[in-house]
N, C-alpha and C. Protein backbone atom coordinates (compact mmCIF):
# COMPACT_ATOMS: atom_id res chain seq x y z
N MET A 1 2.47 48.09 19.78
CA MET A 1 2.62 46.83 20.51
C MET A 1 1.35 45.95 20.08
N GLU A 2 1.59 44.66 19.63
CA GLU A 2 0.50 43.82 19.28
C GLU A 2 -0.19 43.15 20.38
N LYS A 3 -1.54 42.99 20.19
CA LYS A 3 -2.19 42.33 21.47
C LYS A 3 -2.07 40.85 21.26
N PRO A 4 -1.88 40.17 22.30
CA PRO A 4 -1.86 38.73 22.19
C PRO A 4 -3.13 38.15 21.72
N ALA A 5 -3.31 37.21 21.17
CA ALA A 5 -4.47 36.53 20.55
C ALA A 5 -5.14 35.96 21.86
N THR A 6 -6.40 36.19 21.78
CA THR A 6 -7.49 35.70 22.66
C THR A 6 -8.23 34.52 22.17
N PRO A 7 -8.67 33.57 23.08
CA PRO A 7 -9.45 32.69 22.46
C PRO A 7 -10.69 33.12 21.68
N ASP A 8 -11.28 34.26 22.05
CA ASP A 8 -12.39 34.85 21.28
C ASP A 8 -12.07 35.26 19.95
N SER A 9 -10.60 35.62 19.79
CA SER A 9 -10.24 36.22 18.47
C SER A 9 -10.11 35.03 17.34
N GLN A 10 -9.73 33.98 17.75
CA GLN A 10 -9.73 32.78 16.74
C GLN A 10 -10.99 32.17 16.35
N PRO A 11 -10.92 31.62 15.14
CA PRO A 11 -12.10 30.81 14.75
C PRO A 11 -12.40 29.59 15.51
N ALA A 12 -13.38 29.05 15.81
CA ALA A 12 -13.66 27.92 16.43
C ALA A 12 -13.17 26.63 15.61
N ALA A 13 -12.43 25.78 16.34
CA ALA A 13 -11.87 24.68 15.57
C ALA A 13 -12.71 23.37 15.71
N GLU A 14 -12.73 22.52 14.99
CA GLU A 14 -13.65 21.51 15.06
C GLU A 14 -13.05 20.59 16.21
N GLU A 15 -14.04 20.02 16.89
CA GLU A 15 -13.49 19.24 18.08
C GLU A 15 -12.99 17.94 17.52
N THR A 16 -11.82 17.48 18.20
CA THR A 16 -11.02 16.23 17.75
C THR A 16 -10.29 15.78 18.60
N ILE A 17 -9.98 14.52 18.65
CA ILE A 17 -9.11 13.83 19.93
C ILE A 17 -7.59 14.24 19.50
N PHE A 18 -7.40 14.55 18.26
CA PHE A 18 -5.97 15.03 17.82
C PHE A 18 -5.86 16.53 18.20
N SER A 19 -4.43 16.66 18.62
CA SER A 19 -4.25 18.29 18.44
C SER A 19 -2.85 18.25 17.54
N GLN A 20 -2.74 19.56 16.98
CA GLN A 20 -1.60 19.40 16.14
C GLN A 20 -0.27 19.11 16.79
N ASP A 21 -0.21 19.34 18.10
CA ASP A 21 1.12 19.04 18.79
C ASP A 21 1.31 17.40 19.03
N GLU A 22 -0.09 16.81 19.31
CA GLU A 22 -0.07 15.29 19.59
C GLU A 22 0.19 14.54 18.30
N PHE A 23 -0.37 15.07 17.23
CA PHE A 23 -0.10 14.26 15.74
C PHE A 23 1.10 14.61 15.22
N VAL A 24 1.94 13.57 15.10
CA VAL A 24 3.14 13.86 14.36
C VAL A 24 3.28 12.53 13.46
N PRO A 25 3.07 12.95 12.14
CA PRO A 25 3.12 11.91 11.05
C PRO A 25 4.37 10.98 11.13
N GLY A 26 5.29 11.61 11.58
CA GLY A 26 6.65 10.91 11.34
C GLY A 26 6.58 9.74 12.39
N GLN A 27 5.78 9.70 13.54
CA GLN A 27 5.68 8.50 14.38
C GLN A 27 5.27 7.38 13.72
N TYR A 28 4.60 7.40 12.62
CA TYR A 28 3.99 6.45 11.96
C TYR A 28 4.67 5.75 10.68
N ASP A 29 5.85 6.67 10.40
CA ASP A 29 6.40 6.47 9.07
C ASP A 29 7.07 5.22 9.07
N LYS A 30 7.53 4.44 9.98
CA LYS A 30 8.32 3.48 9.99
C LYS A 30 7.56 2.12 9.29
N TYR A 31 6.35 1.97 9.96
CA TYR A 31 5.84 0.90 9.47
C TYR A 31 4.80 1.31 8.01
N ILE A 32 4.55 2.38 7.70
CA ILE A 32 4.10 2.85 6.64
C ILE A 32 4.93 2.73 5.60
N ARG A 33 6.13 3.17 5.83
CA ARG A 33 7.21 3.11 4.87
C ARG A 33 7.51 1.61 4.36
N GLN A 34 7.68 0.70 5.39
CA GLN A 34 7.77 -0.66 5.15
C GLN A 34 6.63 -1.34 4.30
N ALA A 35 5.50 -0.87 4.61
CA ALA A 35 4.46 -1.37 3.85
C ALA A 35 4.54 -0.71 2.39
N ARG A 36 4.77 0.45 2.32
CA ARG A 36 4.93 1.12 0.98
C ARG A 36 6.01 0.28 0.06
N ASN A 37 7.30 0.21 0.85
CA ASN A 37 8.27 -0.52 0.11
C ASN A 37 7.78 -2.04 -0.28
N ALA A 38 7.02 -2.72 0.56
CA ALA A 38 6.48 -4.05 0.16
C ALA A 38 5.51 -4.11 -1.00
N LEU A 39 4.65 -2.86 -1.00
CA LEU A 39 3.93 -2.76 -2.40
C LEU A 39 4.89 -2.44 -3.63
N PHE A 40 5.83 -1.62 -3.45
CA PHE A 40 6.73 -1.46 -4.41
C PHE A 40 7.47 -2.83 -4.91
N ILE A 41 7.71 -3.47 -3.87
CA ILE A 41 8.51 -4.89 -4.08
C ILE A 41 7.58 -5.81 -4.97
N VAL A 42 6.33 -5.94 -4.46
CA VAL A 42 5.32 -6.59 -5.28
C VAL A 42 5.21 -6.08 -6.61
N ALA A 43 5.19 -4.95 -6.85
CA ALA A 43 5.00 -4.31 -8.27
C ALA A 43 6.28 -4.74 -9.08
N ALA A 44 7.50 -4.63 -8.46
CA ALA A 44 8.83 -4.90 -9.09
C ALA A 44 8.65 -6.68 -9.36
N VAL A 45 8.54 -7.35 -8.53
CA VAL A 45 8.62 -8.75 -8.83
C VAL A 45 7.62 -9.26 -9.72
N GLN A 46 6.30 -8.67 -9.61
CA GLN A 46 5.14 -9.08 -10.73
C GLN A 46 5.83 -8.61 -12.11
N PHE A 47 6.24 -7.45 -12.27
CA PHE A 47 6.80 -6.96 -13.59
C PHE A 47 7.97 -7.77 -13.94
N LEU A 48 8.96 -8.10 -13.02
CA LEU A 48 10.17 -8.74 -13.64
C LEU A 48 9.75 -10.27 -13.78
N PHE A 49 9.01 -10.98 -13.17
CA PHE A 49 8.53 -12.35 -13.41
C PHE A 49 7.69 -12.36 -14.67
N GLY A 50 6.88 -11.36 -14.84
CA GLY A 50 5.94 -11.34 -16.05
C GLY A 50 6.75 -11.35 -17.14
N ALA A 51 7.90 -10.44 -17.20
CA ALA A 51 8.70 -10.20 -18.39
C ALA A 51 9.49 -11.47 -18.51
N PHE A 52 10.14 -12.05 -17.46
CA PHE A 52 10.87 -13.43 -17.61
C PHE A 52 9.79 -14.49 -18.15
N LEU A 53 8.68 -14.56 -17.60
CA LEU A 53 7.75 -15.73 -18.20
C LEU A 53 7.45 -15.29 -19.60
N THR A 54 7.25 -14.19 -19.94
CA THR A 54 6.85 -13.68 -21.35
C THR A 54 7.97 -14.22 -22.18
N TYR A 55 9.27 -14.05 -21.81
CA TYR A 55 10.34 -14.27 -22.71
C TYR A 55 10.70 -15.92 -22.84
N GLN A 56 10.46 -16.62 -21.82
CA GLN A 56 10.56 -18.04 -21.61
C GLN A 56 9.20 -18.70 -22.21
N SER A 57 8.23 -18.10 -22.56
CA SER A 57 6.82 -18.86 -22.90
C SER A 57 7.00 -19.43 -24.31
N ASN A 58 6.30 -20.57 -24.34
CA ASN A 58 6.22 -21.29 -25.53
C ASN A 58 5.03 -20.95 -26.31
N GLU A 59 4.18 -20.00 -25.60
CA GLU A 59 2.83 -19.78 -26.27
C GLU A 59 3.03 -18.97 -27.62
N GLU A 60 1.78 -18.90 -28.24
CA GLU A 60 1.90 -17.92 -29.38
C GLU A 60 2.24 -16.45 -28.82
N PRO A 61 3.01 -15.87 -29.65
CA PRO A 61 3.46 -14.42 -29.07
C PRO A 61 2.27 -13.60 -28.73
N ILE A 62 1.14 -13.59 -29.49
CA ILE A 62 0.12 -12.75 -29.07
C ILE A 62 -0.41 -13.21 -27.48
N VAL A 63 -0.47 -14.38 -27.36
CA VAL A 63 -0.89 -15.05 -26.04
C VAL A 63 -0.04 -14.60 -25.00
N ALA A 64 1.39 -14.80 -25.21
CA ALA A 64 2.33 -14.28 -24.22
C ALA A 64 2.44 -12.77 -23.88
N TRP A 65 2.09 -12.00 -24.87
CA TRP A 65 2.13 -10.63 -24.85
C TRP A 65 0.72 -10.22 -24.02
N ILE A 66 -0.37 -10.75 -24.19
CA ILE A 66 -1.67 -10.51 -23.43
C ILE A 66 -1.22 -10.80 -21.96
N GLY A 67 -0.71 -12.08 -21.66
CA GLY A 67 -0.32 -12.45 -20.46
C GLY A 67 0.43 -11.40 -19.72
N PHE A 68 1.44 -10.91 -20.50
CA PHE A 68 2.48 -9.78 -20.03
C PHE A 68 1.82 -8.68 -19.48
N ALA A 69 0.79 -8.30 -20.53
CA ALA A 69 0.06 -7.03 -20.33
C ALA A 69 -0.91 -7.04 -19.03
N VAL A 70 -1.41 -8.32 -18.62
CA VAL A 70 -2.22 -8.52 -17.54
C VAL A 70 -1.22 -8.30 -16.34
N VAL A 71 -0.17 -8.90 -16.49
CA VAL A 71 0.83 -8.89 -15.11
C VAL A 71 1.32 -7.47 -15.09
N ALA A 72 1.48 -6.81 -16.27
CA ALA A 72 2.01 -5.52 -16.21
C ALA A 72 1.00 -4.38 -15.56
N PHE A 73 -0.17 -4.80 -15.85
CA PHE A 73 -1.17 -3.93 -15.31
C PHE A 73 -1.49 -4.33 -13.60
N VAL A 74 -1.29 -5.54 -13.27
CA VAL A 74 -1.18 -5.56 -11.86
C VAL A 74 -0.12 -5.21 -11.08
N SER A 75 0.97 -5.22 -11.86
CA SER A 75 2.34 -4.57 -11.38
C SER A 75 1.90 -2.99 -11.07
N ALA A 76 1.35 -2.45 -12.19
CA ALA A 76 1.13 -1.04 -12.04
C ALA A 76 0.07 -0.58 -10.85
N LEU A 77 -0.78 -1.57 -10.68
CA LEU A 77 -1.70 -1.31 -9.53
C LEU A 77 -1.04 -1.31 -8.28
N PHE A 78 -0.04 -2.36 -8.14
CA PHE A 78 0.73 -2.22 -6.92
C PHE A 78 1.60 -0.93 -6.77
N PHE A 79 2.20 -0.38 -7.88
CA PHE A 79 2.92 0.67 -7.85
C PHE A 79 2.16 1.80 -7.47
N GLY A 80 1.02 1.91 -8.11
CA GLY A 80 0.03 3.09 -7.73
C GLY A 80 -0.26 3.06 -6.23
N LEU A 81 -0.56 1.92 -5.70
CA LEU A 81 -0.94 1.75 -4.38
C LEU A 81 0.19 2.39 -3.49
N GLY A 82 1.29 1.90 -3.84
CA GLY A 82 2.65 2.44 -3.06
C GLY A 82 2.51 3.74 -3.12
N LEU A 83 2.45 4.54 -4.30
CA LEU A 83 2.28 6.04 -4.27
C LEU A 83 1.23 6.53 -3.43
N TYR A 84 -0.03 5.91 -3.47
CA TYR A 84 -1.37 6.37 -2.83
C TYR A 84 -1.01 6.35 -1.21
N THR A 85 0.06 5.54 -0.79
CA THR A 85 0.27 5.49 0.50
C THR A 85 0.66 6.93 1.18
N LYS A 86 0.92 7.85 0.32
CA LYS A 86 1.34 9.05 0.92
C LYS A 86 0.16 10.01 1.05
N LYS A 87 -1.08 9.61 0.54
CA LYS A 87 -2.14 10.41 0.73
C LYS A 87 -3.22 9.43 1.64
N LYS A 88 -3.47 8.51 1.47
CA LYS A 88 -4.43 7.67 2.28
C LYS A 88 -3.57 6.21 2.50
N PRO A 89 -2.80 6.30 3.50
CA PRO A 89 -1.95 4.96 3.86
C PRO A 89 -2.91 3.82 4.16
N TYR A 90 -3.84 3.91 5.01
CA TYR A 90 -4.67 2.79 5.46
C TYR A 90 -5.30 1.97 4.22
N THR A 91 -6.19 3.09 3.39
CA THR A 91 -6.98 2.59 2.25
C THR A 91 -6.00 1.80 1.28
N ALA A 92 -4.63 2.49 0.98
CA ALA A 92 -3.75 1.68 0.15
C ALA A 92 -3.31 0.65 0.47
N ILE A 93 -2.83 0.51 1.68
CA ILE A 93 -2.35 -0.66 2.48
C ILE A 93 -3.23 -1.84 2.35
N LEU A 94 -4.83 -1.37 2.83
CA LEU A 94 -5.53 -2.43 2.93
C LEU A 94 -6.05 -3.08 1.59
N ILE A 95 -6.18 -2.21 0.50
CA ILE A 95 -6.50 -2.75 -0.81
C ILE A 95 -5.35 -3.58 -1.24
N GLY A 96 -3.86 -3.09 -0.94
CA GLY A 96 -2.72 -3.96 -1.48
C GLY A 96 -2.93 -5.18 -0.72
N LEU A 97 -2.91 -5.36 0.48
CA LEU A 97 -3.15 -6.61 1.03
C LEU A 97 -4.17 -7.38 0.53
N ILE A 98 -5.35 -7.04 0.39
CA ILE A 98 -6.61 -7.85 0.10
C ILE A 98 -6.18 -8.22 -1.61
N LEU A 99 -5.60 -7.32 -2.48
CA LEU A 99 -5.24 -7.90 -3.59
C LEU A 99 -4.06 -8.84 -3.67
N TYR A 100 -3.03 -8.59 -2.87
CA TYR A 100 -2.11 -9.56 -2.92
C TYR A 100 -2.63 -10.88 -2.45
N ILE A 101 -3.33 -10.97 -1.44
CA ILE A 101 -3.78 -12.28 -0.91
C ILE A 101 -4.60 -13.01 -1.75
N SER A 102 -5.51 -12.06 -2.51
CA SER A 102 -6.53 -12.63 -3.71
C SER A 102 -5.69 -13.27 -4.76
N LEU A 103 -4.55 -12.55 -5.07
CA LEU A 103 -3.64 -13.18 -6.17
C LEU A 103 -2.98 -14.37 -5.89
N LEU A 104 -2.52 -14.55 -4.45
CA LEU A 104 -2.15 -15.71 -4.00
C LEU A 104 -3.05 -16.73 -4.15
N LEU A 105 -4.18 -16.50 -3.51
CA LEU A 105 -5.14 -17.51 -3.55
C LEU A 105 -5.56 -17.96 -5.04
N LEU A 106 -5.51 -17.12 -5.93
CA LEU A 106 -5.96 -17.45 -7.35
C LEU A 106 -4.70 -18.37 -7.94
N ASP A 107 -3.55 -17.93 -7.55
CA ASP A 107 -2.39 -18.66 -7.86
C ASP A 107 -2.41 -20.16 -7.45
N VAL A 108 -2.86 -20.32 -6.03
CA VAL A 108 -2.94 -21.66 -5.43
C VAL A 108 -4.10 -22.54 -6.08
N VAL A 109 -5.16 -21.71 -6.55
CA VAL A 109 -6.27 -22.47 -7.15
C VAL A 109 -5.79 -23.15 -8.73
N THR A 110 -5.11 -22.25 -9.36
CA THR A 110 -4.73 -22.72 -10.58
C THR A 110 -3.44 -23.72 -10.75
N ASN A 111 -2.69 -23.58 -9.59
CA ASN A 111 -1.39 -24.19 -9.53
C ASN A 111 -1.13 -24.38 -8.03
N PRO A 112 -1.57 -25.61 -7.47
CA PRO A 112 -1.63 -25.76 -5.96
C PRO A 112 -0.08 -25.71 -5.44
N ALA A 113 0.85 -26.24 -6.36
CA ALA A 113 2.19 -26.30 -5.87
C ALA A 113 2.93 -24.92 -5.75
N SER A 114 2.20 -23.94 -6.15
CA SER A 114 2.78 -22.65 -6.06
C SER A 114 2.84 -22.01 -4.56
N ILE A 115 2.04 -22.66 -3.87
CA ILE A 115 2.03 -22.20 -2.42
C ILE A 115 3.22 -22.18 -1.71
N PHE A 116 4.15 -23.07 -2.10
CA PHE A 116 5.52 -23.13 -1.47
C PHE A 116 6.46 -22.31 -2.32
N LYS A 117 6.15 -22.03 -3.42
CA LYS A 117 7.31 -21.06 -4.20
C LYS A 117 7.43 -19.79 -3.52
N GLY A 118 8.55 -19.42 -3.11
CA GLY A 118 8.69 -18.13 -2.72
C GLY A 118 8.05 -17.65 -1.41
N ILE A 119 7.86 -18.77 -0.63
CA ILE A 119 6.96 -18.62 0.57
C ILE A 119 7.44 -17.64 1.60
N ILE A 120 8.85 -17.46 1.65
CA ILE A 120 9.47 -16.58 2.68
C ILE A 120 9.17 -15.02 1.95
N LEU A 121 9.20 -14.86 0.70
CA LEU A 121 8.91 -13.61 0.26
C LEU A 121 7.43 -13.24 0.43
N LYS A 122 6.57 -14.14 0.24
CA LYS A 122 5.00 -14.06 0.31
C LYS A 122 4.98 -13.72 1.67
N ALA A 123 5.41 -14.51 2.78
CA ALA A 123 5.07 -14.21 4.09
C ALA A 123 5.49 -12.98 4.41
N LEU A 124 6.78 -12.47 4.15
CA LEU A 124 7.19 -11.20 4.42
C LEU A 124 6.38 -10.13 4.01
N ILE A 125 6.00 -10.08 2.74
CA ILE A 125 5.08 -9.01 2.17
C ILE A 125 3.83 -8.96 2.94
N ILE A 126 3.29 -10.07 3.37
CA ILE A 126 2.00 -10.08 4.06
C ILE A 126 2.33 -9.51 5.53
N PHE A 127 3.28 -9.95 6.08
CA PHE A 127 3.68 -9.51 7.55
C PHE A 127 3.69 -7.92 7.44
N TYR A 128 4.51 -7.29 6.52
CA TYR A 128 4.62 -5.92 6.62
C TYR A 128 3.61 -5.17 6.10
N LEU A 129 2.66 -5.72 5.34
CA LEU A 129 1.45 -4.94 4.95
C LEU A 129 0.53 -5.13 6.17
N ALA A 130 0.34 -6.34 6.66
CA ALA A 130 -0.68 -6.40 7.83
C ALA A 130 -0.13 -5.71 9.08
N ARG A 131 1.00 -5.76 9.25
CA ARG A 131 1.57 -4.94 10.57
C ARG A 131 1.39 -3.43 10.51
N SER A 132 1.46 -2.90 9.50
CA SER A 132 1.21 -1.47 9.18
C SER A 132 -0.10 -0.90 9.28
N LEU A 133 -1.15 -1.85 9.21
CA LEU A 133 -2.40 -1.22 9.19
C LEU A 133 -2.89 -0.42 10.34
N GLY A 134 -2.63 -0.85 11.54
CA GLY A 134 -2.86 -0.09 12.55
C GLY A 134 -2.36 1.38 12.54
N ASP A 135 -1.18 1.45 12.35
CA ASP A 135 -0.34 2.77 12.16
C ASP A 135 -0.81 3.54 11.14
N ALA A 136 -1.31 2.88 10.11
CA ALA A 136 -1.78 3.60 8.83
C ALA A 136 -3.22 4.05 9.03
N LYS A 137 -3.92 3.30 9.79
CA LYS A 137 -5.36 3.82 10.04
C LYS A 137 -5.14 5.03 10.97
N GLU A 138 -4.31 5.02 12.05
CA GLU A 138 -4.29 6.26 12.94
C GLU A 138 -3.68 7.33 12.20
N ALA A 139 -2.69 7.13 11.39
CA ALA A 139 -1.91 8.21 10.54
C ALA A 139 -2.96 8.85 9.56
N GLN A 140 -3.96 7.98 8.80
CA GLN A 140 -4.83 8.45 7.99
C GLN A 140 -6.10 9.40 8.60
N GLU A 141 -6.37 8.89 9.91
CA GLU A 141 -7.46 9.51 10.62
C GLU A 141 -6.75 10.92 11.16
N GLY A 142 -5.56 10.79 11.62
CA GLY A 142 -5.04 12.13 12.16
C GLY A 142 -4.68 13.10 11.02
N MET A 143 -4.62 12.65 9.86
CA MET A 143 -4.28 13.56 8.63
C MET A 143 -5.66 14.29 8.38
N LYS A 144 -6.74 13.31 8.41
CA LYS A 144 -8.11 13.78 8.04
C LYS A 144 -8.42 14.91 9.10
N HIS A 145 -8.10 14.55 10.23
CA HIS A 145 -8.67 15.56 11.26
C HIS A 145 -7.87 16.91 11.49
N MET A 146 -6.71 16.82 10.97
CA MET A 146 -5.79 17.92 10.85
C MET A 146 -6.34 18.69 9.78
N LYS A 147 -6.76 18.23 8.48
CA LYS A 147 -7.23 19.08 7.53
C LYS A 147 -8.63 19.64 7.71
N GLY A 148 -9.25 19.15 8.91
CA GLY A 148 -10.53 19.59 9.29
C GLY A 148 -11.73 18.68 8.51
N GLY A 149 -11.25 17.56 8.15
CA GLY A 149 -12.37 16.82 7.34
C GLY A 149 -12.85 15.58 8.18
């Protein structure tokens, strides 16, 4: 017959406000998933519009392809951040939000009329990214504490 485990027989755990029973990653999934999808949507829209603008460009081919390479790189950044939300959701979403707003501001500086183009999509993306920050921070901290870090 096995002896029941006593508190003395188990290694001391690091003190944390989280317990394995209380921290359920799934409770944060909805908003984090929406933010992840928003990052993937930004990546896809960037890539598709970059390809379309390259196709429609009246610039020299090399200039158009350099522009497309920059847009593809930005698209890859957003795609990578979407994947990174699985490991560090708060970090990935915060970087994505800062990068997205920075790109919007850069676009407004270079073309002021662009602020109103796609305003609903832009607002939705910012909304989904910003709304998920709190849950992502809690989830990331919970994951960190569950791993003992």
